[in-house]
């Protein structure tokens, strides 16, 4: 059986590895080249790390990545810290991309097609057909891993516009040593800032906010930083990597997991918000379920897949409610300050 994976981000790459593991011949198409960068939070939760390790992908904890053992939340004078049952890792997306693509290049049954534009696709009863450089290629199944603004989602009429308000994101890297062994989250009235250590000498600052709360223009970077005076004191702005980039809005998702012989995975299926930090781990888990069951896909396989996303939706809804309502958030902080183990348990639930 021959299959195609369209989109070479981490979820697409992991999908290819799972399919190869099942004995399939895989063609992997990417419109750009590897390693791939992306504007996103760069923390990997423990369950995602576990999946990558099982696929033979490990990280050096020095200039390549940095472990973290929990999350700390800061809201004005209030703070709340929670521990994870196992360590997560901060790792730059380009480095993560390179690590997985290096593993793929060891596999003779995976054919890589970087810098490749697919100009046409058709979803027939007995095959999935793509057109590349004027040539038609036929596959038994295909897997759409082409991201938040998936082209395949549009062309195969699987696009669902989410109800607003929509969220936006941005990120920036600084060449300075991390000051904490946790991911730090800072809350303001309109924005959240996430500090992730990505190596022993670098941190990433990511921002998330509701589109309607801030104007997106030339002054966006300054506007975001003005919301976090406490965090600004910790940052060496002269050591910025100069890579401030915005992303969003997070406005669409897929209606269905499967359309004919095409499956939707990762952000191409559903990305609600980066606020829970479980996006990549979620995509990896979905890839594993689909790769192991796609040829005999049934209601039980779909239920297993959807259970992960229902859980994700619940955690995102909870976190966004706290983001919307300052008083409720501060009550939440004070309550769990008295029961720290309860907060540890909540963090572990976020990464089932």
Protein backbone atom coordinates (compact mmCIF):
# COMPACT_ATOMS: atom_id res chain seq x y z
CA UNK A 1 0.00 0.00 0.00
CA UNK A 2 1.28 3.45 -0.92
CA UNK A 3 0.29 6.58 1.02
CA UNK A 4 1.02 10.32 0.88
CA UNK A 5 1.61 12.74 3.74
CA UNK A 6 1.09 16.37 2.72
CA UNK A 7 2.81 18.85 5.04
CA UNK A 8 6.21 18.42 6.65
CA UNK A 9 5.80 19.99 10.08
CA UNK A 10 6.41 17.86 13.20
CA UNK A 11 2.99 16.17 13.02
CA UNK A 12 3.44 15.33 9.33
CA UNK A 13 6.91 13.95 9.99
CA UNK A 14 5.73 11.83 12.94
CA UNK A 15 2.78 10.59 10.86
CA UNK A 16 5.24 9.42 8.19
CA UNK A 17 7.29 7.58 10.80
CA UNK A 18 4.23 5.81 12.20
CA UNK A 19 3.08 4.81 8.71
CA UNK A 20 6.54 3.49 7.82
CA UNK A 21 6.53 1.53 11.07
CA UNK A 22 3.32 -0.17 9.89
CA UNK A 23 5.10 -1.25 6.69
CA UNK A 24 3.67 1.30 4.24
CA UNK A 25 5.55 3.11 1.49
CA UNK A 26 5.26 6.86 2.21
CA UNK A 27 5.71 9.92 -0.01
CA UNK A 28 6.08 13.06 2.11
CA UNK A 29 5.42 16.42 0.41
CA UNK A 30 6.49 19.79 1.83
CA UNK A 31 6.05 23.12 0.04
CA UNK A 32 9.11 24.56 1.81
CA UNK A 33 12.32 22.98 3.01
CA UNK A 34 13.62 21.44 6.20
CA UNK A 35 14.27 22.35 8.92
CA UNK A 36 10.98 24.23 9.27
CA UNK A 37 10.34 27.13 11.62
CA UNK A 38 6.97 28.20 12.98
CA UNK A 39 5.61 30.99 15.17
CA UNK A 40 4.47 29.03 18.22
CA UNK A 41 5.16 28.21 21.81
CA UNK A 42 8.15 25.89 21.89
CA UNK A 43 7.44 23.70 24.89
CA UNK A 44 6.86 19.98 24.50
CA UNK A 45 4.80 18.35 27.23
CA UNK A 46 5.96 15.03 28.77
CA UNK A 47 3.57 12.86 26.73
CA UNK A 48 4.95 14.34 23.49
CA UNK A 49 8.52 13.69 24.62
CA UNK A 50 7.58 10.08 25.41
CA UNK A 51 6.20 9.56 21.88
CA UNK A 52 9.32 11.00 20.24
CA UNK A 53 11.62 8.86 22.38
CA UNK A 54 9.72 5.72 21.36
CA UNK A 55 10.36 6.73 17.74
CA UNK A 56 14.09 6.99 18.51
CA UNK A 57 14.26 10.81 18.74
CA UNK A 58 16.19 12.15 21.73
CA UNK A 59 17.40 15.59 22.79
CA UNK A 60 20.66 16.88 24.19
CA UNK A 61 20.02 19.18 27.13
CA UNK A 62 22.53 21.95 26.43
CA UNK A 63 22.50 24.16 23.34
CA UNK A 64 19.79 22.01 21.75
CA UNK A 65 16.98 21.92 24.30
CA UNK A 66 16.19 22.60 27.95
CA UNK A 67 14.04 20.53 30.35
CA UNK A 68 11.36 22.13 32.52
CA UNK A 69 9.64 20.50 35.49
CA UNK A 70 6.51 22.59 35.85
CA UNK A 71 4.55 25.76 35.12
CA UNK A 72 4.48 28.98 37.14
CA UNK A 73 1.68 31.52 36.71
CA UNK A 74 2.01 35.22 37.54
CA UNK A 75 -0.84 37.72 37.74
CA UNK A 76 0.24 41.03 39.29
CA UNK A 77 1.08 40.33 42.94
CA UNK A 78 -0.23 36.75 42.74
CA UNK A 79 1.73 33.69 41.68
CA UNK A 80 1.02 29.98 41.48
CA UNK A 81 3.45 27.15 40.77
CA UNK A 82 2.74 23.61 39.72
CA UNK A 83 4.93 20.59 39.08
CA UNK A 84 4.63 18.12 36.22
CA UNK A 85 4.85 14.35 36.91
CA UNK A 86 7.68 14.13 34.35
CA UNK A 87 9.86 16.67 32.61
CA UNK A 88 8.83 18.56 29.52
CA UNK A 89 11.33 20.12 27.12
CA UNK A 90 11.69 23.51 25.51
CA UNK A 91 13.14 23.17 22.02
CA UNK A 92 13.21 25.56 19.06
CA UNK A 93 10.96 24.44 16.23
CA UNK A 94 13.80 24.39 13.69
CA UNK A 95 15.84 22.08 15.91
CA UNK A 96 12.85 19.81 16.53
CA UNK A 97 12.18 19.71 12.79
CA UNK A 98 15.81 18.80 12.08
CA UNK A 99 15.84 16.02 14.70
CA UNK A 100 12.76 14.33 13.23
CA UNK A 101 13.82 14.74 9.60
CA UNK A 102 17.21 13.18 10.45
CA UNK A 103 15.37 10.13 11.79
CA UNK A 104 13.18 9.97 8.67
CA UNK A 105 16.23 10.00 6.40
CA UNK A 106 17.21 6.67 7.97
CA UNK A 107 14.02 5.09 6.58
CA UNK A 108 14.17 3.66 3.06
CA UNK A 109 10.36 3.48 2.74
CA UNK A 110 9.86 7.25 3.16
CA UNK A 111 10.46 9.40 0.08
CA UNK A 112 10.92 13.13 0.76
CA UNK A 113 9.72 15.85 -1.63
CA UNK A 114 10.76 19.28 -0.28
CA UNK A 115 10.06 22.55 -2.14
CA UNK A 116 7.15 20.82 -3.86
CA UNK A 117 3.83 22.41 -4.75
CA UNK A 118 0.82 20.15 -5.24
CA UNK A 119 -1.33 21.82 -7.88
CA UNK A 120 -4.34 19.51 -7.85
CA UNK A 121 -5.91 16.78 -5.73
CA UNK A 122 -8.88 14.48 -6.26
CA UNK A 123 -10.50 12.17 -3.77
CA UNK A 124 -11.84 9.21 -5.73
CA UNK A 125 -13.65 6.14 -4.45
CA UNK A 126 -10.67 3.82 -4.81
CA UNK A 127 -7.67 6.21 -4.70
CA UNK A 128 -6.40 9.66 -3.76
CA UNK A 129 -4.76 11.45 -6.69
CA UNK A 130 -2.37 14.39 -6.60
CA UNK A 131 -0.77 16.41 -9.38
CA UNK A 132 2.87 17.49 -9.08
CA UNK A 133 4.84 19.15 -11.91
CA UNK A 134 2.18 18.11 -14.38
CA UNK A 135 2.36 14.47 -13.28
CA UNK A 136 -0.54 12.61 -11.63
CA UNK A 137 0.35 10.29 -8.77
CA UNK A 138 -2.07 7.82 -7.19
CA UNK A 139 -2.21 6.74 -3.54
CA UNK A 140 -4.34 4.39 -1.51
CA UNK A 141 -4.73 7.05 1.21
CA UNK A 142 -3.45 10.54 2.00
CA UNK A 143 -2.92 12.50 5.22
CA UNK A 144 -3.38 16.26 5.37
CA UNK A 145 -0.85 17.76 7.80
CA UNK A 146 -0.70 21.17 6.15
CA UNK A 147 -1.38 23.34 9.16
CA UNK A 148 -3.79 25.86 10.60
CA UNK A 149 -4.70 27.35 7.20
CA UNK A 150 -4.88 23.98 5.46
CA UNK A 151 -5.30 24.21 1.69
CA UNK A 152 -6.62 20.64 1.56
CA UNK A 153 -9.29 21.54 4.10
CA UNK A 154 -10.57 24.21 1.70
CA UNK A 155 -10.34 22.21 -1.53
CA UNK A 156 -12.10 19.18 -0.01
CA UNK A 157 -14.87 21.28 1.57
CA UNK A 158 -13.97 20.35 5.13
CA UNK A 159 -13.54 23.90 6.47
CA UNK A 160 -15.46 25.11 9.51
CA UNK A 161 -15.20 28.74 10.66
CA UNK A 162 -15.13 28.95 14.45
CA UNK A 163 -17.19 31.43 16.40
CA UNK A 164 -15.24 34.49 17.55
CA UNK A 165 -13.60 36.20 19.22
CA UNK A 166 -10.51 34.72 17.58
CA UNK A 167 -7.07 34.49 19.10
CA UNK A 168 -3.70 35.68 17.83
CA UNK A 169 -0.12 34.79 18.70
CA UNK A 170 3.44 36.12 18.42
CA UNK A 171 6.94 35.10 19.51
CA UNK A 172 10.50 36.38 20.00
CA UNK A 173 13.80 34.75 21.09
CA UNK A 174 16.47 36.19 23.39
CA UNK A 175 20.07 34.99 23.78
CA UNK A 176 20.14 34.87 27.56
CA UNK A 177 20.29 32.07 30.10
CA UNK A 178 16.92 30.89 31.48
CA UNK A 179 16.28 32.06 35.05
CA UNK A 180 13.77 29.33 35.92
CA UNK A 181 13.35 25.56 35.57
CA UNK A 182 9.67 26.13 34.78
CA UNK A 183 7.68 27.58 31.91
CA UNK A 184 6.49 30.95 33.19
CA UNK A 185 3.07 32.36 32.26
CA UNK A 186 2.32 36.04 32.86
CA UNK A 187 -1.25 37.34 32.73
CA UNK A 188 -2.41 40.85 32.00
CA UNK A 189 -5.90 42.13 31.24
CA UNK A 190 -5.57 41.59 27.49
CA UNK A 191 -2.56 39.32 26.85
CA UNK A 192 -0.71 36.29 28.19
CA UNK A 193 3.07 35.93 27.88
CA UNK A 194 4.81 32.54 28.00
CA UNK A 195 8.50 32.21 28.82
CA UNK A 196 9.98 28.90 27.66
CA UNK A 197 13.64 27.96 28.13
CA UNK A 198 14.73 26.44 24.80
CA UNK A 199 18.43 25.87 25.59
CA UNK A 200 20.96 26.74 28.27
CA UNK A 201 21.55 30.07 26.52
CA UNK A 202 18.19 31.02 25.01
CA UNK A 203 14.58 31.74 25.99
CA UNK A 204 11.49 32.17 23.88
CA UNK A 205 8.75 34.65 24.77
CA UNK A 206 5.38 33.85 23.18
CA UNK A 207 2.25 35.99 23.43
CA UNK A 208 -1.42 35.08 23.04
CA UNK A 209 -4.37 37.49 22.95
CA UNK A 210 -7.88 37.97 21.58
CA UNK A 211 -7.84 39.61 18.15
CA UNK A 212 -10.30 42.31 19.22
CA UNK A 213 -8.22 43.29 22.26
CA UNK A 214 -5.15 44.68 20.46
CA UNK A 215 -4.55 46.38 17.10
CA UNK A 216 -2.10 44.48 14.90
CA UNK A 217 0.21 47.04 13.32
CA UNK A 218 3.78 48.32 13.37
CA UNK A 219 3.55 49.03 17.10
CA UNK A 220 2.34 45.53 18.05
CA UNK A 221 5.63 44.44 19.63
CA UNK A 222 5.83 47.54 21.85
CA UNK A 223 2.16 47.21 22.80
CA UNK A 224 2.63 43.59 23.88
CA UNK A 225 5.71 44.32 25.98
CA UNK A 226 4.06 47.29 27.73
CA UNK A 227 1.58 44.84 29.24
CA UNK A 228 4.33 43.04 31.22
CA UNK A 229 6.56 45.42 33.22
CA UNK A 230 7.60 42.63 35.63
CA UNK A 231 8.73 40.41 32.75
CA UNK A 232 10.46 43.29 30.94
CA UNK A 233 12.82 43.68 33.91
CA UNK A 234 14.11 40.14 33.34
CA UNK A 235 14.73 40.48 29.60
CA UNK A 236 17.95 41.68 27.96
CA UNK A 237 16.43 43.44 24.96
CA UNK A 238 19.85 44.03 23.40
CA UNK A 239 20.06 40.22 23.06
CA UNK A 240 16.89 39.85 21.00
CA UNK A 241 17.29 37.53 18.00
CA UNK A 242 15.27 40.04 15.97
CA UNK A 243 12.73 37.36 15.05
CA UNK A 244 9.51 38.84 16.40
CA UNK A 245 6.69 37.30 14.35
CA UNK A 246 2.91 37.23 14.62
CA UNK A 247 0.54 34.37 13.80
CA UNK A 248 -3.21 33.94 13.46
CA UNK A 249 -6.08 34.36 13.76
CA UNK A 250 -6.98 30.84 14.92
CA UNK A 251 -10.31 30.98 13.13
CA UNK A 252 -10.89 27.68 11.29
CA UNK A 253 -10.85 23.95 11.88
CA UNK A 254 -11.96 20.80 10.04
CA UNK A 255 -15.52 19.50 10.18
CA UNK A 256 -14.45 15.85 9.88
CA UNK A 257 -11.37 13.73 10.53
CA UNK A 258 -11.84 11.77 7.31
CA UNK A 259 -13.09 12.86 3.88
CA UNK A 260 -13.06 9.92 1.48
CA UNK A 261 -9.46 8.66 1.43
CA UNK A 262 -8.04 11.79 3.06
CA UNK A 263 -7.39 12.12 6.83
CA UNK A 264 -6.81 15.46 8.58
CA UNK A 265 -4.22 15.60 11.36
CA UNK A 266 -2.62 18.14 13.70
CA UNK A 267 -3.51 21.79 13.15
CA UNK A 268 -5.10 20.87 9.81
CA UNK A 269 -7.72 19.00 11.82
CA UNK A 270 -8.13 21.32 14.79
CA UNK A 271 -6.14 24.03 16.54
CA UNK A 272 -8.13 25.91 19.16
CA UNK A 273 -5.47 27.76 21.10
CA UNK A 274 -1.90 27.45 22.32
CA UNK A 275 -2.92 28.33 25.87
CA UNK A 276 -2.71 24.74 27.18
CA UNK A 277 0.67 23.95 25.56
CA UNK A 278 -0.40 20.51 24.38
CA UNK A 279 -0.69 21.15 20.63
CA UNK A 280 2.20 18.99 19.40
CA UNK A 281 1.58 16.18 21.88
CA UNK A 282 -2.05 16.13 20.79
CA UNK A 283 -1.06 15.99 17.12
CA UNK A 284 1.38 13.14 17.75
CA UNK A 285 -1.28 11.11 19.61
CA UNK A 286 -3.78 11.64 16.81
CA UNK A 287 -1.19 10.62 14.23
CA UNK A 288 -0.53 7.39 16.09
CA UNK A 289 -4.23 6.46 16.25
CA UNK A 290 -4.84 7.20 12.57
CA UNK A 291 -1.65 5.55 11.28
CA UNK A 292 -2.44 2.36 13.20
CA UNK A 293 -6.10 2.17 12.15
CA UNK A 294 -6.78 4.11 8.93
CA UNK A 295 -7.19 1.08 6.64
CA UNK A 296 -9.92 -0.31 8.91
CA UNK A 297 -11.28 3.00 10.21
CA UNK A 298 -14.51 2.62 12.20
CA UNK A 299 -16.58 4.34 14.87
CA UNK A 300 -14.33 3.09 17.67
CA UNK A 301 -11.15 4.47 16.04
CA UNK A 302 -12.90 7.79 15.51
CA UNK A 303 -14.09 7.85 19.13
CA UNK A 304 -10.54 7.25 20.41
CA UNK A 305 -9.28 10.09 18.22
CA UNK A 306 -12.04 12.49 19.23
CA UNK A 307 -11.67 11.79 22.95
CA UNK A 308 -8.27 13.50 22.87
CA UNK A 309 -9.78 16.57 21.22
CA UNK A 310 -12.78 16.73 23.55
CA UNK A 311 -10.34 16.74 26.45
CA UNK A 312 -8.27 19.42 24.70
CA UNK A 313 -11.40 21.52 24.06
CA UNK A 314 -12.38 21.32 27.72
CA UNK A 315 -8.94 22.42 28.95
CA UNK A 316 -8.80 25.27 26.41
CA UNK A 317 -12.28 26.46 27.42
CA UNK A 318 -11.26 26.46 31.09
CA UNK A 319 -8.04 28.37 30.42
CA UNK A 320 -9.72 30.93 28.15
CA UNK A 321 -12.42 31.53 30.75
CA UNK A 322 -9.69 32.41 33.24
CA UNK A 323 -8.07 34.65 30.63
CA UNK A 324 -11.35 36.49 30.07
CA UNK A 325 -12.25 37.01 33.72
CA UNK A 326 -9.62 38.57 35.98
CA UNK A 327 -11.56 38.14 39.23
CA UNK A 328 -12.28 34.49 38.55
CA UNK A 329 -8.61 33.92 37.67
CA UNK A 330 -7.43 35.48 40.90
CA UNK A 331 -9.92 33.45 42.91
CA UNK A 332 -8.56 30.36 41.12
CA UNK A 333 -5.00 31.35 42.05
CA UNK A 334 -5.85 31.88 45.72
CA UNK A 335 -7.81 28.63 45.95
CA UNK A 336 -5.04 26.46 44.47
CA UNK A 337 -2.39 28.30 46.47
CA UNK A 338 -3.96 26.62 49.50
CA UNK A 339 -4.05 23.22 47.78
CA UNK A 340 -0.83 22.99 45.68
CA UNK A 341 -1.19 19.27 45.08
CA UNK A 342 -4.59 19.94 43.53
CA UNK A 343 -2.94 22.27 41.04
CA UNK A 344 -0.27 19.66 40.27
CA UNK A 345 -3.08 17.21 39.56
CA UNK A 346 -4.78 19.71 37.23
CA UNK A 347 -1.53 20.13 35.27
CA UNK A 348 -1.19 16.36 34.94
CA UNK A 349 -4.77 16.18 33.61
CA UNK A 350 -3.78 18.65 30.89
CA UNK A 351 -1.27 16.14 29.49
CA UNK A 352 -3.06 12.80 29.65
